[in-house]
Each structure stands twice: as C-alpha cells, then as structure tokens.
Amino acid sequence: MSASYVWAGILTAATVTVMLRALPFVLFGGGRKTPDVVTYLGKVLPCAVMAMLVVYCLRDTSLSVSSWLPRLIASAMTCGLYVLKRNSLLSIALGTACYMLLVQLVF
C-alpha cells in the first residue's frame, strides 16, 4: 500500500470525524430547541451502552471458579470504586488492574 493511500485514508477519517462532531452544532445551534427525542436519548444511551459493555465483557464466563470469580471480584471493585470516588477513569483502571493481577497471580 502506497503512502498516498494511507494519507487519503487518514484525511478521509479526519474529515468525517470533524464533520460528525460539528453536525449537532449545525443542526441544533443558533438558539433552536433540541428535539425531545434527542434529549431523551442523551439521558438513556449512556446507561444502555454501559450495560451492553458489561454483557460483552462477561459473555465468555464459564462455570469454572477460575473464570467467574476474578471477573466478579474485579467488577465489584470497579463498581465500589466508582460509588466511592465518582471517577470513571480511576475505577476502570483499578478494576482492570485488579482483574489482571487476579488472573496472572492468583487463578
């Protein structure tokens, strides 16, 4: 693959990203009221996405203790840290580290 194809791909991806980021300001800017359905989706979708990610992450869990117990411990730690600190990045990072340590060193 030549460098021109790579640059064309990068330029296309960057252009589409900028346009998608600017689209809400073009559609709903200028003092126009945001449609109710968009407001509703803005409230509901973050929870739905998180629920889908949890299901995706736990989909391959088998009945063996070495499979589900580290996932349960790490998930509980992630949830507990988020409730205590209200910091998504911290809770996800430490929950992931906990899972990796459990899998590599304990189970």
PDB file of N, CA and C in Angstrom:
ATOM      1  N   MET A   1       0.859  -1.169   0.000  1.00  0.00           N
ATOM      2  CA  MET A   1       0.000   0.000   0.000  1.00  0.00           C
ATOM      3  C   MET A   1       0.907   1.234   0.000  1.00  0.00           C
ATOM      4  N   SER A   2       0.613   2.141  -0.886  1.00  0.00           N
ATOM      5  CA  SER A   2       1.469   3.312  -1.007  1.00  0.00           C
ATOM      6  C   SER A   2       1.096   4.370   0.033  1.00  0.00           C
ATOM      7  N   ALA A   3       2.004   5.309   0.179  1.00  0.00           N
ATOM      8  CA  ALA A   3       1.801   6.375   1.166  1.00  0.00           C
ATOM      9  C   ALA A   3       0.605   7.251   0.808  1.00  0.00           C
ATOM     10  N   SER A   4       0.309   7.406  -0.475  1.00  0.00           N
ATOM     11  CA  SER A   4      -0.828   8.249  -0.864  1.00  0.00           C
ATOM     12  C   SER A   4      -2.154   7.641  -0.405  1.00  0.00           C
ATOM     13  N   TYR A   5      -2.258   6.312  -0.453  1.00  0.00           N
ATOM     14  CA  TYR A   5      -3.474   5.656   0.049  1.00  0.00           C
ATOM     15  C   TYR A   5      -3.609   5.824   1.558  1.00  0.00           C
ATOM     16  N   VAL A   6      -2.507   5.714   2.259  1.00  0.00           N
ATOM     17  CA  VAL A   6      -2.531   5.886   3.708  1.00  0.00           C
ATOM     18  C   VAL A   6      -2.957   7.303   4.063  1.00  0.00           C
ATOM     19  N   TRP A   7      -2.373   8.294   3.390  1.00  0.00           N
ATOM     20  CA  TRP A   7      -2.738   9.686   3.677  1.00  0.00           C
ATOM     21  C   TRP A   7      -4.186   9.969   3.287  1.00  0.00           C
ATOM     22  N   ALA A   8      -4.648   9.380   2.197  1.00  0.00           N
ATOM     23  CA  ALA A   8      -6.048   9.564   1.801  1.00  0.00           C
ATOM     24  C   ALA A   8      -6.985   8.981   2.849  1.00  0.00           C
ATOM     25  N   GLY A   9      -6.628   7.823   3.388  1.00  0.00           N
ATOM     26  CA  GLY A   9      -7.442   7.223   4.449  1.00  0.00           C
ATOM     27  C   GLY A   9      -7.457   8.066   5.711  1.00  0.00           C
ATOM     28  N   ILE A  10      -6.283   8.569   6.094  1.00  0.00           N
ATOM     29  CA  ILE A  10      -6.195   9.423   7.286  1.00  0.00           C
ATOM     30  C   ILE A  10      -7.005  10.696   7.085  1.00  0.00           C
ATOM     31  N   LEU A  11      -6.860  11.322   5.921  1.00  0.00           N
ATOM     32  CA  LEU A  11      -7.594  12.555   5.634  1.00  0.00           C
ATOM     33  C   LEU A  11      -9.106  12.310   5.611  1.00  0.00           C
ATOM     34  N   THR A  12      -9.531  11.215   5.030  1.00  0.00           N
ATOM     35  CA  THR A  12     -10.956  10.889   4.997  1.00  0.00           C
ATOM     36  C   THR A  12     -11.500  10.661   6.404  1.00  0.00           C
ATOM     37  N   ALA A  13     -10.783   9.892   7.204  1.00  0.00           N
ATOM     38  CA  ALA A  13     -11.227   9.630   8.577  1.00  0.00           C
ATOM     39  C   ALA A  13     -11.285  10.917   9.393  1.00  0.00           C
ATOM     40  N   ALA A  14     -10.288  11.777   9.240  1.00  0.00           N
ATOM     41  CA  ALA A  14     -10.270  13.042   9.986  1.00  0.00           C
ATOM     42  C   ALA A  14     -11.417  13.947   9.550  1.00  0.00           C
ATOM     43  N   THR A  15     -11.674  14.006   8.249  1.00  0.00           N
ATOM     44  CA  THR A  15     -12.765  14.851   7.744  1.00  0.00           C
ATOM     45  C   THR A  15     -14.121  14.369   8.244  1.00  0.00           C
ATOM     46  N   VAL A  16     -14.354  13.071   8.181  1.00  0.00           N
ATOM     47  CA  VAL A  16     -15.624  12.520   8.660  1.00  0.00           C
ATOM     48  C   VAL A  16     -15.777  12.754  10.154  1.00  0.00           C
ATOM     49  N   THR A  17     -14.703  12.585  10.923  1.00  0.00           N
ATOM     50  CA  THR A  17     -14.767  12.801  12.372  1.00  0.00           C
ATOM     51  C   THR A  17     -15.123  14.246  12.691  1.00  0.00           C
ATOM     52  N   VAL A  18     -14.456  15.196  12.040  1.00  0.00           N
ATOM     53  CA  VAL A  18     -14.737  16.615  12.296  1.00  0.00           C
ATOM     54  C   VAL A  18     -16.172  16.950  11.896  1.00  0.00           C
ATOM     55  N   MET A  19     -16.625  16.423  10.776  1.00  0.00           N
ATOM     56  CA  MET A  19     -17.991  16.714  10.341  1.00  0.00           C
ATOM     57  C   MET A  19     -19.027  16.133  11.307  1.00  0.00           C
ATOM     58  N   LEU A  20     -18.779  14.918  11.798  1.00  0.00           N
ATOM     59  CA  LEU A  20     -19.722  14.330  12.754  1.00  0.00           C
ATOM     60  C   LEU A  20     -19.726  15.082  14.076  1.00  0.00           C
ATOM     61  N   ARG A  21     -18.579  15.603  14.483  1.00  0.00           N
ATOM     62  CA  ARG A  21     -18.525  16.388  15.713  1.00  0.00           C
ATOM     63  C   ARG A  21     -19.228  17.729  15.551  1.00  0.00           C
ATOM     64  N   ALA A  22     -19.170  18.307  14.372  1.00  0.00           N
ATOM     65  CA  ALA A  22     -19.775  19.614  14.143  1.00  0.00           C
ATOM     66  C   ALA A  22     -21.265  19.535  13.829  1.00  0.00           C
ATOM     67  N   LEU A  23     -21.738  18.384  13.379  1.00  0.00           N
ATOM     68  CA  LEU A  23     -23.133  18.233  12.959  1.00  0.00           C
ATOM     69  C   LEU A  23     -24.153  18.649  14.022  1.00  0.00           C
ATOM     70  N   PRO A  24     -24.010  18.254  15.302  1.00  0.00           N
ATOM     71  CA  PRO A  24     -25.003  18.695  16.299  1.00  0.00           C
ATOM     72  C   PRO A  24     -25.064  20.217  16.449  1.00  0.00           C
ATOM     73  N   PHE A  25     -23.927  20.886  16.325  1.00  0.00           N
ATOM     74  CA  PHE A  25     -23.931  22.345  16.450  1.00  0.00           C
ATOM     75  C   PHE A  25     -24.612  22.997  15.252  1.00  0.00           C
ATOM     76  N   VAL A  26     -24.470  22.383  14.089  1.00  0.00           N
ATOM     77  CA  VAL A  26     -25.130  22.906  12.896  1.00  0.00           C
ATOM     78  C   VAL A  26     -26.635  22.670  12.981  1.00  0.00           C
ATOM     79  N   LEU A  27     -27.028  21.471  13.419  1.00  0.00           N
ATOM     80  CA  LEU A  27     -28.455  21.145  13.474  1.00  0.00           C
ATOM     81  C   LEU A  27     -29.189  21.827  14.613  1.00  0.00           C
ATOM     82  N   PHE A  28     -28.559  21.907  15.788  1.00  0.00           N
ATOM     83  CA  PHE A  28     -29.271  22.379  16.969  1.00  0.00           C
ATOM     84  C   PHE A  28     -28.716  23.690  17.516  1.00  0.00           C
ATOM     85  N   GLY A  29     -27.810  24.319  16.825  1.00  0.00           N
ATOM     86  CA  GLY A  29     -27.249  25.585  17.287  1.00  0.00           C
ATOM     87  C   GLY A  29     -28.161  26.747  16.958  1.00  0.00           C
ATOM     88  N   GLY A  30     -27.726  27.931  17.304  1.00  0.00           N
ATOM     89  CA  GLY A  30     -28.481  29.132  16.957  1.00  0.00           C
ATOM     90  C   GLY A  30     -29.724  29.341  17.781  1.00  0.00           C
ATOM     91  N   GLY A  31     -29.772  28.784  18.969  1.00  0.00           N
ATOM     92  CA  GLY A  31     -30.908  29.017  19.847  1.00  0.00           C
ATOM     93  C   GLY A  31     -32.116  28.137  19.570  1.00  0.00           C
ATOM     94  N   ARG A  32     -32.006  27.204  18.636  1.00  0.00           N
ATOM     95  CA  ARG A  32     -33.125  26.301  18.371  1.00  0.00           C
ATOM     96  C   ARG A  32     -33.246  25.277  19.495  1.00  0.00           C
ATOM     97  N   LYS A  33     -34.476  24.887  19.774  1.00  0.00           N
ATOM     98  CA  LYS A  33     -34.727  23.911  20.832  1.00  0.00           C
ATOM     99  C   LYS A  33     -34.334  22.514  20.354  1.00  0.00           C
ATOM    100  N   THR A  34     -33.643  21.793  21.222  1.00  0.00           N
ATOM    101  CA  THR A  34     -33.267  20.418  20.922  1.00  0.00           C
ATOM    102  C   THR A  34     -34.515  19.546  20.964  1.00  0.00           C
ATOM    103  N   PRO A  35     -34.726  18.711  19.961  1.00  0.00           N
ATOM    104  CA  PRO A  35     -35.917  17.847  19.969  1.00  0.00           C
ATOM    105  C   PRO A  35     -35.947  16.954  21.206  1.00  0.00           C
ATOM    106  N   ASP A  36     -37.158  16.647  21.652  1.00  0.00           N
ATOM    107  CA  ASP A  36     -37.320  15.831  22.861  1.00  0.00           C
ATOM    108  C   ASP A  36     -36.694  14.455  22.728  1.00  0.00           C
ATOM    109  N   VAL A  37     -36.770  13.868  21.532  1.00  0.00           N
ATOM    110  CA  VAL A  37     -36.205  12.533  21.345  1.00  0.00           C
ATOM    111  C   VAL A  37     -34.682  12.556  21.510  1.00  0.00           C
ATOM    112  N   VAL A  38     -34.034  13.615  21.072  1.00  0.00           N
ATOM    113  CA  VAL A  38     -32.578  13.727  21.224  1.00  0.00           C
ATOM    114  C   VAL A  38     -32.223  13.903  22.702  1.00  0.00           C
ATOM    115  N   THR A  39     -32.985  14.691  23.420  1.00  0.00           N
ATOM    116  CA  THR A  39     -32.762  14.868  24.857  1.00  0.00           C
ATOM    117  C   THR A  39     -32.957  13.552  25.596  1.00  0.00           C
ATOM    118  N   TYR A  40     -33.999  12.819  25.237  1.00  0.00           N
ATOM    119  CA  TYR A  40     -34.260  11.516  25.847  1.00  0.00           C
ATOM    120  C   TYR A  40     -33.109  10.551  25.589  1.00  0.00           C
ATOM    121  N   LEU A  41     -32.661  10.471  24.342  1.00  0.00           N
ATOM    122  CA  LEU A  41     -31.550   9.579  24.010  1.00  0.00           C
ATOM    123  C   LEU A  41     -30.276   9.972  24.744  1.00  0.00           C
ATOM    124  N   GLY A  42     -30.071  11.256  24.938  1.00  0.00           N
ATOM    125  CA  GLY A  42     -28.901  11.718  25.683  1.00  0.00           C
ATOM    126  C   GLY A  42     -28.921  11.272  27.138  1.00  0.00           C
ATOM    127  N   LYS A  43     -30.103  11.064  27.675  1.00  0.00           N
ATOM    128  CA  LYS A  43     -30.227  10.599  29.061  1.00  0.00           C
ATOM    129  C   LYS A  43     -30.146   9.076  29.169  1.00  0.00           C
ATOM    130  N   VAL A  44     -30.676   8.368  28.180  1.00  0.00           N
ATOM    131  CA  VAL A  44     -30.814   6.918  28.263  1.00  0.00           C
ATOM    132  C   VAL A  44     -29.609   6.160  27.693  1.00  0.00           C
ATOM    133  N   LEU A  45     -29.032   6.652  26.628  1.00  0.00           N
ATOM    134  CA  LEU A  45     -27.990   5.893  25.941  1.00  0.00           C
ATOM    135  C   LEU A  45     -26.729   5.625  26.765  1.00  0.00           C
ATOM    136  N   PRO A  46     -26.239   6.548  27.594  1.00  0.00           N
ATOM    137  CA  PRO A  46     -25.034   6.204  28.366  1.00  0.00           C
ATOM    138  C   PRO A  46     -25.216   4.960  29.240  1.00  0.00           C
ATOM    139  N   CYS A  47     -26.350   4.837  29.903  1.00  0.00           N
ATOM    140  CA  CYS A  47     -26.608   3.639  30.724  1.00  0.00           C
ATOM    141  C   CYS A  47     -26.751   2.399  29.857  1.00  0.00           C
ATOM    142  N   ALA A  48     -27.401   2.530  28.717  1.00  0.00           N
ATOM    143  CA  ALA A  48     -27.571   1.389  27.820  1.00  0.00           C
ATOM    144  C   ALA A  48     -26.223   0.926  27.268  1.00  0.00           C
ATOM    145  N   VAL A  49     -25.362   1.856  26.930  1.00  0.00           N
ATOM    146  CA  VAL A  49     -24.032   1.497  26.421  1.00  0.00           C
ATOM    147  C   VAL A  49     -23.230   0.795  27.508  1.00  0.00           C
ATOM    148  N   MET A  50     -23.279   1.285  28.731  1.00  0.00           N
ATOM    149  CA  MET A  50     -22.545   0.634  29.819  1.00  0.00           C
ATOM    150  C   MET A  50     -23.076  -0.769  30.072  1.00  0.00           C
ATOM    151  N   ALA A  51     -24.386  -0.948  30.026  1.00  0.00           N
ATOM    152  CA  ALA A  51     -24.969  -2.284  30.215  1.00  0.00           C
ATOM    153  C   ALA A  51     -24.520  -3.229  29.102  1.00  0.00           C
ATOM    154  N   MET A  52     -24.479  -2.749  27.874  1.00  0.00           N
ATOM    155  CA  MET A  52     -24.017  -3.583  26.766  1.00  0.00           C
ATOM    156  C   MET A  52     -22.545  -3.952  26.929  1.00  0.00           C
ATOM    157  N   LEU A  53     -21.733  -3.023  27.406  1.00  0.00           N
ATOM    158  CA  LEU A  53     -20.314  -3.317  27.625  1.00  0.00           C
ATOM    159  C   LEU A  53     -20.117  -4.361  28.713  1.00  0.00           C
ATOM    160  N   VAL A  54     -20.918  -4.288  29.767  1.00  0.00           N
ATOM    161  CA  VAL A  54     -20.818  -5.285  30.834  1.00  0.00           C
ATOM    162  C   VAL A  54     -21.189  -6.665  30.301  1.00  0.00           C
ATOM    163  N   VAL A  55     -22.272  -6.744  29.556  1.00  0.00           N
ATOM    164  CA  VAL A  55     -22.682  -8.025  28.974  1.00  0.00           C
ATOM    165  C   VAL A  55     -21.602  -8.543  28.028  1.00  0.00           C
ATOM    166  N   TYR A  56     -21.039  -7.669  27.212  1.00  0.00           N
ATOM    167  CA  TYR A  56     -19.991  -8.070  26.273  1.00  0.00           C
ATOM    168  C   TYR A  56     -18.760  -8.592  27.019  1.00  0.00           C
ATOM    169  N   CYS A  57     -18.381  -7.922  28.077  1.00  0.00           N
ATOM    170  CA  CYS A  57     -17.190  -8.335  28.833  1.00  0.00           C
ATOM    171  C   CYS A  57     -17.396  -9.660  29.564  1.00  0.00           C
ATOM    172  N   LEU A  58     -18.604  -9.934  29.995  1.00  0.00           N
ATOM    173  CA  LEU A  58     -18.864 -11.144  30.780  1.00  0.00           C
ATOM    174  C   LEU A  58     -19.459 -12.284  29.960  1.00  0.00           C
ATOM    175  N   ARG A  59     -19.548 -12.142  28.648  1.00  0.00           N
ATOM    176  CA  ARG A  59     -20.229 -13.130  27.805  1.00  0.00           C
ATOM    177  C   ARG A  59     -19.535 -14.480  27.762  1.00  0.00           C
ATOM    178  N   ASP A  60     -18.225 -14.528  27.916  1.00  0.00           N
ATOM    179  CA  ASP A  60     -17.485 -15.785  27.809  1.00  0.00           C
ATOM    180  C   ASP A  60     -17.223 -16.443  29.159  1.00  0.00           C
ATOM    181  N   THR A  61     -17.886 -16.009  30.188  1.00  0.00           N
ATOM    182  CA  THR A  61     -17.667 -16.561  31.514  1.00  0.00           C
ATOM    183  C   THR A  61     -18.203 -17.987  31.578  1.00  0.00           C
ATOM    184  N   SER A  62     -17.346 -18.898  31.999  1.00  0.00           N
ATOM    185  CA  SER A  62     -17.779 -20.289  32.132  1.00  0.00           C
ATOM    186  C   SER A  62     -18.118 -20.575  33.598  1.00  0.00           C
ATOM    187  N   LEU A  63     -18.483 -21.805  33.888  1.00  0.00           N
ATOM    188  CA  LEU A  63     -18.876 -22.160  35.253  1.00  0.00           C
ATOM    189  C   LEU A  63     -17.685 -22.458  36.163  1.00  0.00           C
ATOM    190  N   SER A  64     -16.489 -22.491  35.618  1.00  0.00           N
ATOM    191  CA  SER A  64     -15.327 -22.763  36.469  1.00  0.00           C
ATOM    192  C   SER A  64     -15.023 -21.538  37.335  1.00  0.00           C
ATOM    193  N   VAL A  65     -14.620 -21.808  38.552  1.00  0.00           N
ATOM    194  CA  VAL A  65     -14.349 -20.730  39.513  1.00  0.00           C
ATOM    195  C   VAL A  65     -13.254 -19.805  39.008  1.00  0.00           C
ATOM    196  N   SER A  66     -12.254 -20.347  38.330  1.00  0.00           N
ATOM    197  CA  SER A  66     -11.159 -19.516  37.839  1.00  0.00           C
ATOM    198  C   SER A  66     -11.609 -18.585  36.716  1.00  0.00           C
ATOM    199  N   SER A  67     -12.794 -18.794  36.179  1.00  0.00           N
ATOM    200  CA  SER A  67     -13.319 -17.907  35.148  1.00  0.00           C
ATOM    201  C   SER A  67     -14.193 -16.804  35.731  1.00  0.00           C
ATOM    202  N   TRP A  68     -15.149 -17.168  36.574  1.00  0.00           N
ATOM    203  CA  TRP A  68     -16.104 -16.161  37.035  1.00  0.00           C
ATOM    204  C   TRP A  68     -15.681 -15.414  38.294  1.00  0.00           C
ATOM    205  N   LEU A  69     -14.890 -16.027  39.162  1.00  0.00           N
ATOM    206  CA  LEU A  69     -14.546 -15.344  40.415  1.00  0.00           C
ATOM    207  C   LEU A  69     -13.672 -14.106  40.206  1.00  0.00           C
ATOM    208  N   PRO A  70     -12.606 -14.143  39.385  1.00  0.00           N
ATOM    209  CA  PRO A  70     -11.847 -12.902  39.185  1.00  0.00           C
ATOM    210  C   PRO A  70     -12.679 -11.812  38.521  1.00  0.00           C
ATOM    211  N   ARG A  71     -13.573 -12.200  37.625  1.00  0.00           N
ATOM    212  CA  ARG A  71     -14.437 -11.210  36.977  1.00  0.00           C
ATOM    213  C   ARG A  71     -15.413 -10.589  37.974  1.00  0.00           C
ATOM    214  N   LEU A  72     -15.945 -11.415  38.857  1.00  0.00           N
ATOM    215  CA  LEU A  72     -16.858 -10.911  39.877  1.00  0.00           C
ATOM    216  C   LEU A  72     -16.143  -9.961  40.833  1.00  0.00           C
ATOM    217  N   ILE A  73     -14.957 -10.346  41.283  1.00  0.00           N
ATOM    218  CA  ILE A  73     -14.193  -9.503  42.215  1.00  0.00           C
ATOM    219  C   ILE A  73     -13.827  -8.182  41.555  1.00  0.00           C
ATOM    220  N   ALA A  74     -13.302  -8.241  40.318  1.00  0.00           N
ATOM    221  CA  ALA A  74     -12.901  -7.017  39.619  1.00  0.00           C
ATOM    222  C   ALA A  74     -14.105  -6.128  39.313  1.00  0.00           C
ATOM    223  N   SER A  75     -15.232  -6.726  38.939  1.00  0.00           N
ATOM    224  CA  SER A  75     -16.438  -5.936  38.671  1.00  0.00           C
ATOM    225  C   SER A  75     -16.942  -5.259  39.937  1.00  0.00           C
ATOM    226  N   ALA A  76     -16.930  -5.993  41.047  1.00  0.00           N
ATOM    227  CA  ALA A  76     -17.362  -5.408  42.328  1.00  0.00           C
ATOM    228  C   ALA A  76     -16.418  -4.279  42.740  1.00  0.00           C
ATOM    229  N   MET A  77     -15.127  -4.473  42.522  1.00  0.00           N
ATOM    230  CA  MET A  77     -14.160  -3.423  42.852  1.00  0.00           C
ATOM    231  C   MET A  77     -14.389  -2.187  41.984  1.00  0.00           C
ATOM    232  N   THR A  78     -14.636  -2.396  40.709  1.00  0.00           N
ATOM    233  CA  THR A  78     -14.883  -1.271  39.803  1.00  0.00           C
ATOM    234  C   THR A  78     -16.128  -0.505  40.225  1.00  0.00           C
ATOM    235  N   CYS A  79     -17.199  -1.218  40.512  1.00  0.00           N
ATOM    236  CA  CYS A  79     -18.439  -0.564  40.954  1.00  0.00           C
ATOM    237  C   CYS A  79     -18.245   0.153  42.284  1.00  0.00           C
ATOM    238  N   GLY A  80     -17.583  -0.517  43.224  1.00  0.00           N
ATOM    239  CA  GLY A  80     -17.352   0.093  44.537  1.00  0.00           C
ATOM    240  C   GLY A  80     -16.503   1.347  44.455  1.00  0.00           C
ATOM    241  N   LEU A  81     -15.442   1.293  43.652  1.00  0.00           N
ATOM    242  CA  LEU A  81     -14.599   2.479  43.491  1.00  0.00           C
ATOM    243  C   LEU A  81     -15.363   3.627  42.852  1.00  0.00           C
ATOM    244  N   TYR A  82     -16.209   3.309  41.878  1.00  0.00           N
ATOM    245  CA  TYR A  82     -16.971   4.377  41.251  1.00  0.00           C
ATOM    246  C   TYR A  82     -17.950   5.008  42.246  1.00  0.00           C
ATOM    247  N   VAL A  83     -18.596   4.177  43.050  1.00  0.00           N
ATOM    248  CA  VAL A  83     -19.539   4.711  44.040  1.00  0.00           C
ATOM    249  C   VAL A  83     -18.807   5.588  45.054  1.00  0.00           C
ATOM    250  N   LEU A  84     -17.619   5.165  45.460  1.00  0.00           N
ATOM    251  CA  LEU A  84     -16.860   5.928  46.462  1.00  0.00           C
ATOM    252  C   LEU A  84     -16.234   7.198  45.897  1.00  0.00           C
ATOM    253  N   LYS A  85     -15.609   7.097  44.728  1.00  0.00           N
ATOM    254  CA  LYS A  85     -14.809   8.209  44.203  1.00  0.00           C
ATOM    255  C   LYS A  85     -15.478   8.996  43.084  1.00  0.00           C
ATOM    256  N   ARG A  86     -16.500   8.416  42.435  1.00  0.00           N
ATOM    257  CA  ARG A  86     -17.178   9.058  41.299  1.00  0.00           C
ATOM    258  C   ARG A  86     -16.189   9.463  40.201  1.00  0.00           C
ATOM    259  N   ASN A  87     -15.222   8.582  39.954  1.00  0.00           N
ATOM    260  CA  ASN A  87     -14.211   8.824  38.938  1.00  0.00           C
ATOM    261  C   ASN A  87     -14.158   7.603  38.029  1.00  0.00           C
ATOM    262  N   SER A  88     -14.697   7.742  36.836  1.00  0.00           N
ATOM    263  CA  SER A  88     -14.784   6.605  35.913  1.00  0.00           C
ATOM    264  C   SER A  88     -13.413   6.074  35.539  1.00  0.00           C
ATOM    265  N   LEU A  89     -12.500   6.962  35.204  1.00  0.00           N
ATOM    266  CA  LEU A  89     -11.171   6.527  34.765  1.00  0.00           C
ATOM    267  C   LEU A  89     -10.452   5.754  35.864  1.00  0.00           C
ATOM    268  N   LEU A  90     -10.512   6.255  37.075  1.00  0.00           N
ATOM    269  CA  LEU A  90      -9.856   5.582  38.203  1.00  0.00           C
ATOM    270  C   LEU A  90     -10.479   4.213  38.458  1.00  0.00           C
ATOM    271  N   SER A  91     -11.791   4.139  38.478  1.00  0.00           N
ATOM    272  CA  SER A  91     -12.445   2.866  38.781  1.00  0.00           C
ATOM    273  C   SER A  91     -12.201   1.836  37.681  1.00  0.00           C
ATOM    274  N   ILE A  92     -12.239   2.251  36.420  1.00  0.00           N
ATOM    275  CA  ILE A  92     -11.990   1.309  35.330  1.00  0.00           C
ATOM    276  C   ILE A  92     -10.535   0.851  35.332  1.00  0.00           C
ATOM    277  N   ALA A  93      -9.605   1.777  35.519  1.00  0.00           N
ATOM    278  CA  ALA A  93      -8.184   1.422  35.512  1.00  0.00           C
ATOM    279  C   ALA A  93      -7.846   0.471  36.655  1.00  0.00           C
ATOM    280  N   LEU A  94      -8.315   0.765  37.862  1.00  0.00           N
ATOM    281  CA  LEU A  94      -8.003  -0.097  39.001  1.00  0.00           C
ATOM    282  C   LEU A  94      -8.758  -1.428  38.934  1.00  0.00           C
ATOM    283  N   GLY A  95      -9.968  -1.419  38.411  1.00  0.00           N
ATOM    284  CA  GLY A  95     -10.702  -2.668  38.221  1.00  0.00           C
ATOM    285  C   GLY A  95     -10.014  -3.573  37.212  1.00  0.00           C
ATOM    286  N   THR A  96      -9.515  -2.980  36.135  1.00  0.00           N
ATOM    287  CA  THR A  96      -8.774  -3.754  35.131  1.00  0.00           C
ATOM    288  C   THR A  96      -7.483  -4.300  35.712  1.00  0.00           C
ATOM    289  N   ALA A  97      -6.764  -3.463  36.451  1.00  0.00           N
ATOM    290  CA  ALA A  97      -5.519  -3.912  37.087  1.00  0.00           C
ATOM    291  C   ALA A  97      -5.798  -5.040  38.079  1.00  0.00           C
ATOM    292  N   CYS A  98      -6.867  -4.914  38.836  1.00  0.00           N
ATOM    293  CA  CYS A  98      -7.249  -5.959  39.789  1.00  0.00           C
ATOM    294  C   CYS A  98      -7.519  -7.266  39.057  1.00  0.00           C
ATOM    295  N   TYR A  99      -8.261  -7.205  37.974  1.00  0.00           N
ATOM    296  CA  TYR A  99      -8.572  -8.416  37.196  1.00  0.00           C
ATOM    297  C   TYR A  99      -7.295  -9.052  36.651  1.00  0.00           C
ATOM    298  N   MET A 100      -6.427  -8.238  36.091  1.00  0.00           N
ATOM    299  CA  MET A 100      -5.197  -8.781  35.509  1.00  0.00           C
ATOM    300  C   MET A 100      -4.316  -9.413  36.575  1.00  0.00           C
ATOM    301  N   LEU A 101      -4.218  -8.775  37.731  1.00  0.00           N
ATOM    302  CA  LEU A 101      -3.418  -9.357  38.819  1.00  0.00           C
ATOM    303  C   LEU A 101      -4.032 -10.663  39.316  1.00  0.00           C
ATOM    304  N   LEU A 102      -5.344 -10.706  39.448  1.00  0.00           N
ATOM    305  CA  LEU A 102      -6.001 -11.925  39.892  1.00  0.00           C
ATOM    306  C   LEU A 102      -5.785 -13.072  38.901  1.00  0.00           C
ATOM    307  N   VAL A 103      -5.921 -12.787  37.625  1.00  0.00           N
ATOM    308  CA  VAL A 103      -5.768 -13.826  36.614  1.00  0.00           C
ATOM    309  C   VAL A 103      -4.321 -14.308  36.516  1.00  0.00           C
ATOM    310  N   GLN A 104      -3.373 -13.378  36.610  1.00  0.00           N
ATOM    311  CA  GLN A 104      -1.964 -13.742  36.431  1.00  0.00           C
ATOM    312  C   GLN A 104      -1.343 -14.363  37.693  1.00  0.00           C
ATOM    313  N   LEU A 105      -1.768 -13.879  38.860  1.00  0.00           N
ATOM    314  CA  LEU A 105      -1.073 -14.301  40.086  1.00  0.00           C
ATOM    315  C   LEU A 105      -1.870 -15.260  40.973  1.00  0.00           C
ATOM    316  N   VAL A 106      -3.191 -15.202  40.926  1.00  0.00           N
ATOM    317  CA  VAL A 106      -3.996 -15.990  41.861  1.00  0.00           C
ATOM    318  C   VAL A 106      -4.663 -17.177  41.183  1.00  0.00           C
ATOM    319  N   PHE A 107      -5.327 -16.952  40.078  1.00  0.00           N
ATOM    320  CA  PHE A 107      -6.114 -18.018  39.440  1.00  0.00           C
ATOM    321  C   PHE A 107      -5.382 -18.648  38.294  1.00  0.00           C
TER     322      PHE A 107
END
